[in-house]
Amino acid sequence: MSEEQATGAQRPIGIFDSGVGGLSVAREIRRALPAEDLLYVADTAYCPYGDRSIEEVRTRALAVGRYVQEAGAKLLVAACNTASGAALEDLRAALTIPVVGLEPAVKTAVARTRARRVGVMATSGTLRSDRFARLLSAYADGVQVLSQPCPGLADLIEEGHLDGEVLGARLEELTRPLREAGVDMVVLGCTHYLFVAPALERVLGPGVALVDSAPAIARRTAQLLGQAQQGRRDGAGGLRVLTTGEPEKVEPVVRRLWGEAVAVSGARI
């Protein structure tokens, strides 16, 4: 490894989402790459992206992406399906660091379904994106894919509703069309939703499996760092969290989702 590569390896992996949901992706990256420092930006002031126009999401994604690159990140993970659907190509064109994006794991669900019926739970923004349309065109392969928009669900999770009656009632309502259709796979098309997977599994019943893309994103991140010889092998990586919202409100939710206390600082982007 050259001196330049060694210096680059010490830089953090940048991760962003409209809120705290992308911590589910950060968690998988931490498992795969325990020595890496992570710089996480929650654009909480504009959360959720899924209720905003594609142009507004694109503008915010580019602003946050540039901020993360200028903060010294060696790679950016757009840990948000809506942001990836609206701006992934723009981010890759605008930044000089590699950019890893998310998309709902439709391909995996289609490969595994026996009922030939798959549900996708996601924000309205993700489901109306051209990227999602191309995904269905490429991988649906004759399988019935039911797209279920989930307005308000990310907001509940941001507020710390990870279980309980309020969340349960909302999940019952949102999953009713999927249950009535008899799907046996449900794709989690928003990074927030993994944090309520136990409650979601109870509502959907034992015959339905959840499919999430976070492990694949962690593998891709490791692959890109390996190719660039910029991976860190030694030590225990840290987590730094910034928010465009109010740190005192975000910090308790981050602590609950991450499983340990993490200081949250403000960022003006």
Protein backbone atom coordinates (compact mmCIF):
# COMPACT_ATOMS: atom_id res chain seq x y z
CA MET A 1 0.00 0.00 0.00
CA SER A 2 1.38 3.43 -0.97
CA GLU A 3 1.60 6.29 1.52
CA GLU A 4 -1.30 8.01 -0.26
CA GLN A 5 -3.44 4.88 0.02
CA ALA A 6 -2.51 4.46 3.68
CA THR A 7 -3.56 8.05 4.37
CA GLY A 8 -6.81 7.54 2.46
CA ALA A 9 -7.57 4.40 4.45
CA GLN A 10 -7.74 6.48 7.65
CA ARG A 11 -10.58 8.61 6.30
CA PRO A 12 -14.17 7.73 7.31
CA ILE A 13 -16.93 6.10 5.31
CA GLY A 14 -19.67 8.68 4.78
CA ILE A 15 -23.30 7.61 5.13
CA PHE A 16 -26.43 9.75 4.83
CA ASP A 17 -30.19 9.42 5.02
CA SER A 18 -33.11 11.77 5.48
CA GLY A 19 -33.14 10.69 9.13
CA VAL A 20 -31.98 7.88 11.39
CA GLY A 21 -33.18 4.99 9.20
CA GLY A 22 -29.83 4.67 7.45
CA LEU A 23 -28.34 3.53 10.75
CA SER A 24 -29.65 0.09 9.73
CA VAL A 25 -27.17 0.24 6.83
CA ALA A 26 -24.45 1.68 9.07
CA ARG A 27 -24.98 -1.27 11.41
CA GLU A 28 -24.33 -3.76 8.60
CA ILE A 29 -21.26 -1.82 7.47
CA ARG A 30 -19.97 -1.87 11.05
CA ARG A 31 -20.41 -5.67 11.17
CA ALA A 32 -18.61 -6.14 7.86
CA LEU A 33 -15.90 -3.53 8.46
CA PRO A 34 -15.39 -3.17 12.22
CA ALA A 35 -12.19 -1.11 11.93
CA GLU A 36 -13.75 1.65 9.81
CA ASP A 37 -14.73 5.06 11.15
CA LEU A 38 -18.25 6.04 10.09
CA LEU A 39 -19.49 9.58 9.50
CA TYR A 40 -23.30 9.55 9.50
CA VAL A 41 -25.40 12.54 8.44
CA ALA A 42 -29.13 12.60 9.17
CA ASP A 43 -30.86 15.29 7.11
CA THR A 44 -33.56 15.44 9.76
CA ALA A 45 -34.67 18.96 8.91
CA TYR A 46 -35.96 17.58 5.59
CA CYS A 47 -37.14 14.15 6.80
CA PRO A 48 -38.83 12.24 5.31
CA TYR A 49 -37.60 12.55 1.72
CA GLY A 50 -40.37 10.26 0.53
CA ASP A 51 -43.02 12.98 0.82
CA ARG A 52 -41.00 15.54 -1.16
CA SER A 53 -40.68 16.13 -4.89
CA ILE A 54 -37.96 14.28 -6.78
CA GLU A 55 -36.26 17.60 -7.60
CA GLU A 56 -36.18 18.64 -3.94
CA VAL A 57 -34.78 15.26 -2.91
CA ARG A 58 -32.14 15.53 -5.64
CA THR A 59 -31.12 18.99 -4.40
CA ARG A 60 -30.82 17.83 -0.80
CA ALA A 61 -28.94 14.65 -1.72
CA LEU A 62 -26.37 16.62 -3.71
CA ALA A 63 -25.94 19.17 -0.92
CA VAL A 64 -25.43 16.49 1.72
CA GLY A 65 -23.20 14.43 -0.56
CA ARG A 66 -20.92 17.40 -1.19
CA TYR A 67 -20.84 18.15 2.54
CA VAL A 68 -19.79 14.58 3.36
CA GLN A 69 -17.08 14.60 0.70
CA GLU A 70 -15.72 17.93 1.96
CA ALA A 71 -15.71 16.50 5.49
CA GLY A 72 -13.11 14.00 4.29
CA ALA A 73 -15.07 10.83 3.54
CA LYS A 74 -13.36 8.29 1.26
CA LEU A 75 -16.67 6.81 0.05
CA LEU A 76 -20.32 7.83 0.27
CA VAL A 77 -23.24 5.50 0.98
CA ALA A 78 -26.61 6.99 0.07
CA ALA A 79 -28.44 4.96 2.73
CA CYS A 80 -31.84 6.02 1.49
CA ASN A 81 -33.88 4.39 -1.27
CA THR A 82 -35.67 7.65 -2.10
CA ALA A 83 -32.43 9.62 -2.41
CA SER A 84 -30.85 6.86 -4.49
CA GLY A 85 -33.88 6.74 -6.78
CA ALA A 86 -33.83 10.49 -7.29
CA ALA A 87 -30.14 11.33 -7.35
CA LEU A 88 -27.71 8.40 -7.50
CA GLU A 89 -26.44 9.16 -11.01
CA ASP A 90 -26.20 12.88 -10.15
CA LEU A 91 -24.19 12.11 -7.00
CA ARG A 92 -21.78 9.94 -8.96
CA ALA A 93 -21.34 12.71 -11.55
CA ALA A 94 -20.87 15.47 -8.96
CA LEU A 95 -18.51 13.78 -6.49
CA THR A 96 -14.97 12.49 -6.86
CA ILE A 97 -15.37 9.69 -4.27
CA PRO A 98 -17.18 6.39 -4.96
CA VAL A 99 -20.93 6.44 -4.26
CA VAL A 100 -22.91 3.36 -3.20
CA GLY A 101 -26.67 3.60 -3.57
CA LEU A 102 -29.66 1.58 -2.42
CA GLU A 103 -32.52 0.03 -4.29
CA PRO A 104 -35.29 -2.25 -3.01
CA ALA A 105 -34.17 -5.91 -3.09
CA VAL A 106 -36.77 -6.92 -5.69
CA LYS A 107 -34.35 -9.23 -7.49
CA THR A 108 -33.70 -11.24 -4.32
CA ALA A 109 -37.40 -11.47 -3.42
CA VAL A 110 -38.37 -12.59 -6.93
CA ALA A 111 -35.70 -15.31 -6.81
CA ARG A 112 -37.00 -16.62 -3.47
CA THR A 113 -40.79 -16.37 -3.79
CA ARG A 114 -42.80 -19.55 -4.11
CA ALA A 115 -46.19 -17.85 -4.19
CA ARG A 116 -45.08 -15.72 -7.17
CA ARG A 117 -46.41 -12.70 -5.28
CA VAL A 118 -44.05 -10.16 -3.70
CA GLY A 119 -44.79 -7.00 -1.74
CA VAL A 120 -42.63 -3.87 -1.65
CA MET A 121 -43.09 -1.48 1.27
CA ALA A 122 -41.48 1.89 0.54
CA THR A 123 -42.02 5.63 0.48
CA SER A 124 -44.12 7.15 -2.26
CA GLY A 125 -40.98 8.85 -3.57
CA THR A 126 -39.17 5.54 -4.03
CA LEU A 127 -42.12 3.84 -5.71
CA ARG A 128 -42.68 6.64 -8.23
CA SER A 129 -39.01 6.93 -9.23
CA ASP A 130 -37.74 5.95 -12.67
CA ARG A 131 -35.12 3.82 -10.95
CA PHE A 132 -37.80 1.66 -9.30
CA ALA A 133 -39.66 1.32 -12.61
CA ARG A 134 -36.46 0.10 -14.26
CA LEU A 135 -35.93 -2.33 -11.38
CA LEU A 136 -39.36 -3.91 -11.90
CA SER A 137 -38.84 -4.05 -15.65
CA ALA A 138 -35.51 -5.82 -15.24
CA TYR A 139 -36.27 -8.28 -12.45
CA ALA A 140 -40.02 -8.86 -11.90
CA ASP A 141 -39.78 -11.83 -14.29
CA GLY A 142 -43.51 -12.56 -14.40
CA VAL A 143 -43.89 -12.35 -10.62
CA GLN A 144 -46.71 -10.15 -9.30
CA VAL A 145 -45.09 -7.24 -7.43
CA LEU A 146 -47.43 -5.22 -5.21
CA SER A 147 -46.08 -1.76 -4.39
CA GLN A 148 -47.29 -0.50 -1.02
CA PRO A 149 -46.58 3.17 -0.20
CA CYS A 150 -46.14 3.75 3.53
CA PRO A 151 -46.81 7.43 4.31
CA GLY A 152 -46.04 8.32 7.91
CA LEU A 153 -44.20 5.12 8.81
CA ALA A 154 -40.71 6.65 8.67
CA ASP A 155 -42.00 9.53 10.81
CA LEU A 156 -43.21 7.11 13.49
CA ILE A 157 -39.81 5.42 13.58
CA GLU A 158 -38.04 8.81 13.75
CA GLU A 159 -40.21 9.56 16.78
CA GLY A 160 -39.06 6.33 18.45
CA HIS A 161 -42.15 4.17 17.84
CA LEU A 162 -40.41 0.81 17.39
CA ASP A 163 -43.26 -1.22 18.89
CA GLY A 164 -46.55 -0.68 20.67
CA GLU A 165 -50.15 0.01 19.74
CA VAL A 166 -49.60 3.10 17.60
CA LEU A 167 -47.06 1.35 15.40
CA GLY A 168 -49.05 -1.91 15.36
CA ALA A 169 -52.22 -0.19 14.16
CA ARG A 170 -50.34 1.57 11.36
CA LEU A 171 -48.64 -1.65 10.24
CA GLU A 172 -51.97 -3.50 10.25
CA GLU A 173 -53.38 -0.85 7.93
CA LEU A 174 -50.40 -0.67 5.60
CA THR A 175 -49.94 -4.43 5.21
CA ARG A 176 -53.61 -5.31 4.69
CA PRO A 177 -53.38 -5.24 0.85
CA LEU A 178 -50.26 -7.42 0.96
CA ARG A 179 -51.82 -9.95 3.32
CA GLU A 180 -55.00 -10.10 1.28
CA ALA A 181 -52.95 -10.70 -1.87
CA GLY A 182 -51.13 -13.62 -0.25
CA VAL A 183 -47.54 -12.42 -0.72
CA ASP A 184 -44.81 -14.58 0.79
CA MET A 185 -41.98 -12.01 0.47
CA VAL A 186 -42.01 -8.38 1.56
CA VAL A 187 -39.18 -6.13 0.45
CA LEU A 188 -38.24 -3.40 2.92
CA GLY A 189 -37.79 -0.50 0.52
CA CYS A 190 -36.88 2.07 3.18
CA THR A 191 -33.96 1.79 5.58
CA HIS A 192 -36.16 2.88 8.49
CA TYR A 193 -38.37 -0.19 8.25
CA LEU A 194 -35.76 -2.71 9.37
CA PHE A 195 -35.95 -1.22 12.85
CA VAL A 196 -39.58 -2.37 13.16
CA ALA A 197 -39.00 -5.78 11.57
CA PRO A 198 -40.18 -7.77 14.64
CA ALA A 199 -43.48 -5.87 14.76
CA LEU A 200 -43.85 -6.20 11.00
CA GLU A 201 -43.24 -9.95 11.11
CA ARG A 202 -45.96 -10.33 13.74
CA VAL A 203 -48.48 -8.48 11.58
CA LEU A 204 -47.58 -10.29 8.35
CA GLY A 205 -47.60 -13.74 9.93
CA PRO A 206 -45.18 -16.69 9.88
CA GLY A 207 -45.50 -17.45 6.17
CA VAL A 208 -43.99 -14.15 5.02
CA ALA A 209 -40.26 -13.38 4.86
CA LEU A 210 -38.74 -9.91 4.94
CA VAL A 211 -36.02 -8.98 2.46
CA ASP A 212 -33.58 -6.15 3.15
CA SER A 213 -30.74 -4.72 1.03
CA ALA A 214 -28.42 -3.51 3.83
CA PRO A 215 -26.13 -6.60 3.87
CA ALA A 216 -25.58 -6.27 0.11
CA ILE A 217 -24.70 -2.59 0.54
CA ALA A 218 -22.14 -3.48 3.21
CA ARG A 219 -20.57 -6.08 0.90
CA ARG A 220 -20.39 -3.58 -1.97
CA THR A 221 -18.79 -0.99 0.29
CA ALA A 222 -16.15 -3.49 1.41
CA GLN A 223 -15.53 -4.51 -2.20
CA LEU A 224 -14.95 -0.93 -3.39
CA LEU A 225 -12.61 -0.12 -0.51
CA GLY A 226 -10.69 -3.32 -1.16
CA GLN A 227 -10.30 -2.50 -4.84
CA ALA A 228 -8.97 0.96 -3.96
CA GLN A 229 -6.77 -0.46 -1.19
CA GLN A 230 -8.33 1.99 1.23
CA GLY A 231 -9.75 -0.38 3.82
CA ARG A 232 -8.75 -0.19 7.48
CA ARG A 233 -7.80 -3.49 9.07
CA ASP A 234 -6.75 -2.54 12.59
CA GLY A 235 -8.46 -0.98 15.55
CA ALA A 236 -12.08 -0.36 16.45
CA GLY A 237 -13.90 2.11 14.26
CA GLY A 238 -15.92 4.97 15.69
CA LEU A 239 -19.27 6.50 14.77
CA ARG A 240 -19.82 10.24 14.40
CA VAL A 241 -23.41 11.42 13.88
CA LEU A 242 -24.46 14.81 12.56
CA THR A 243 -27.99 16.10 12.02
CA THR A 244 -29.52 19.07 10.25
CA GLY A 245 -32.30 18.88 12.82
CA GLU A 246 -32.22 19.27 16.59
CA PRO A 247 -29.45 17.12 18.13
CA GLU A 248 -31.18 16.87 21.51
CA LYS A 249 -34.21 15.24 19.86
CA VAL A 250 -32.22 12.99 17.52
CA GLU A 251 -29.70 11.71 20.06
CA PRO A 252 -32.09 9.56 22.17
CA VAL A 253 -33.42 7.81 19.05
CA VAL A 254 -29.88 7.20 17.75
CA ARG A 255 -28.92 5.74 21.12
CA ARG A 256 -31.90 3.38 21.05
CA LEU A 257 -31.32 2.25 17.47
CA TRP A 258 -27.53 1.93 17.72
CA GLY A 259 -27.63 0.23 21.10
CA GLU A 260 -25.20 2.56 22.84
CA ALA A 261 -24.76 6.24 23.58
CA VAL A 262 -23.60 8.30 20.59
CA ALA A 263 -23.03 12.04 20.67
CA VAL A 264 -25.03 13.87 18.00
CA SER A 265 -23.91 17.26 16.70
CA GLY A 266 -25.66 19.80 14.52
CA ALA A 267 -24.74 20.46 10.89
CA ARG A 268 -25.81 23.33 8.66
CA ILE A 269 -26.17 22.06 5.10
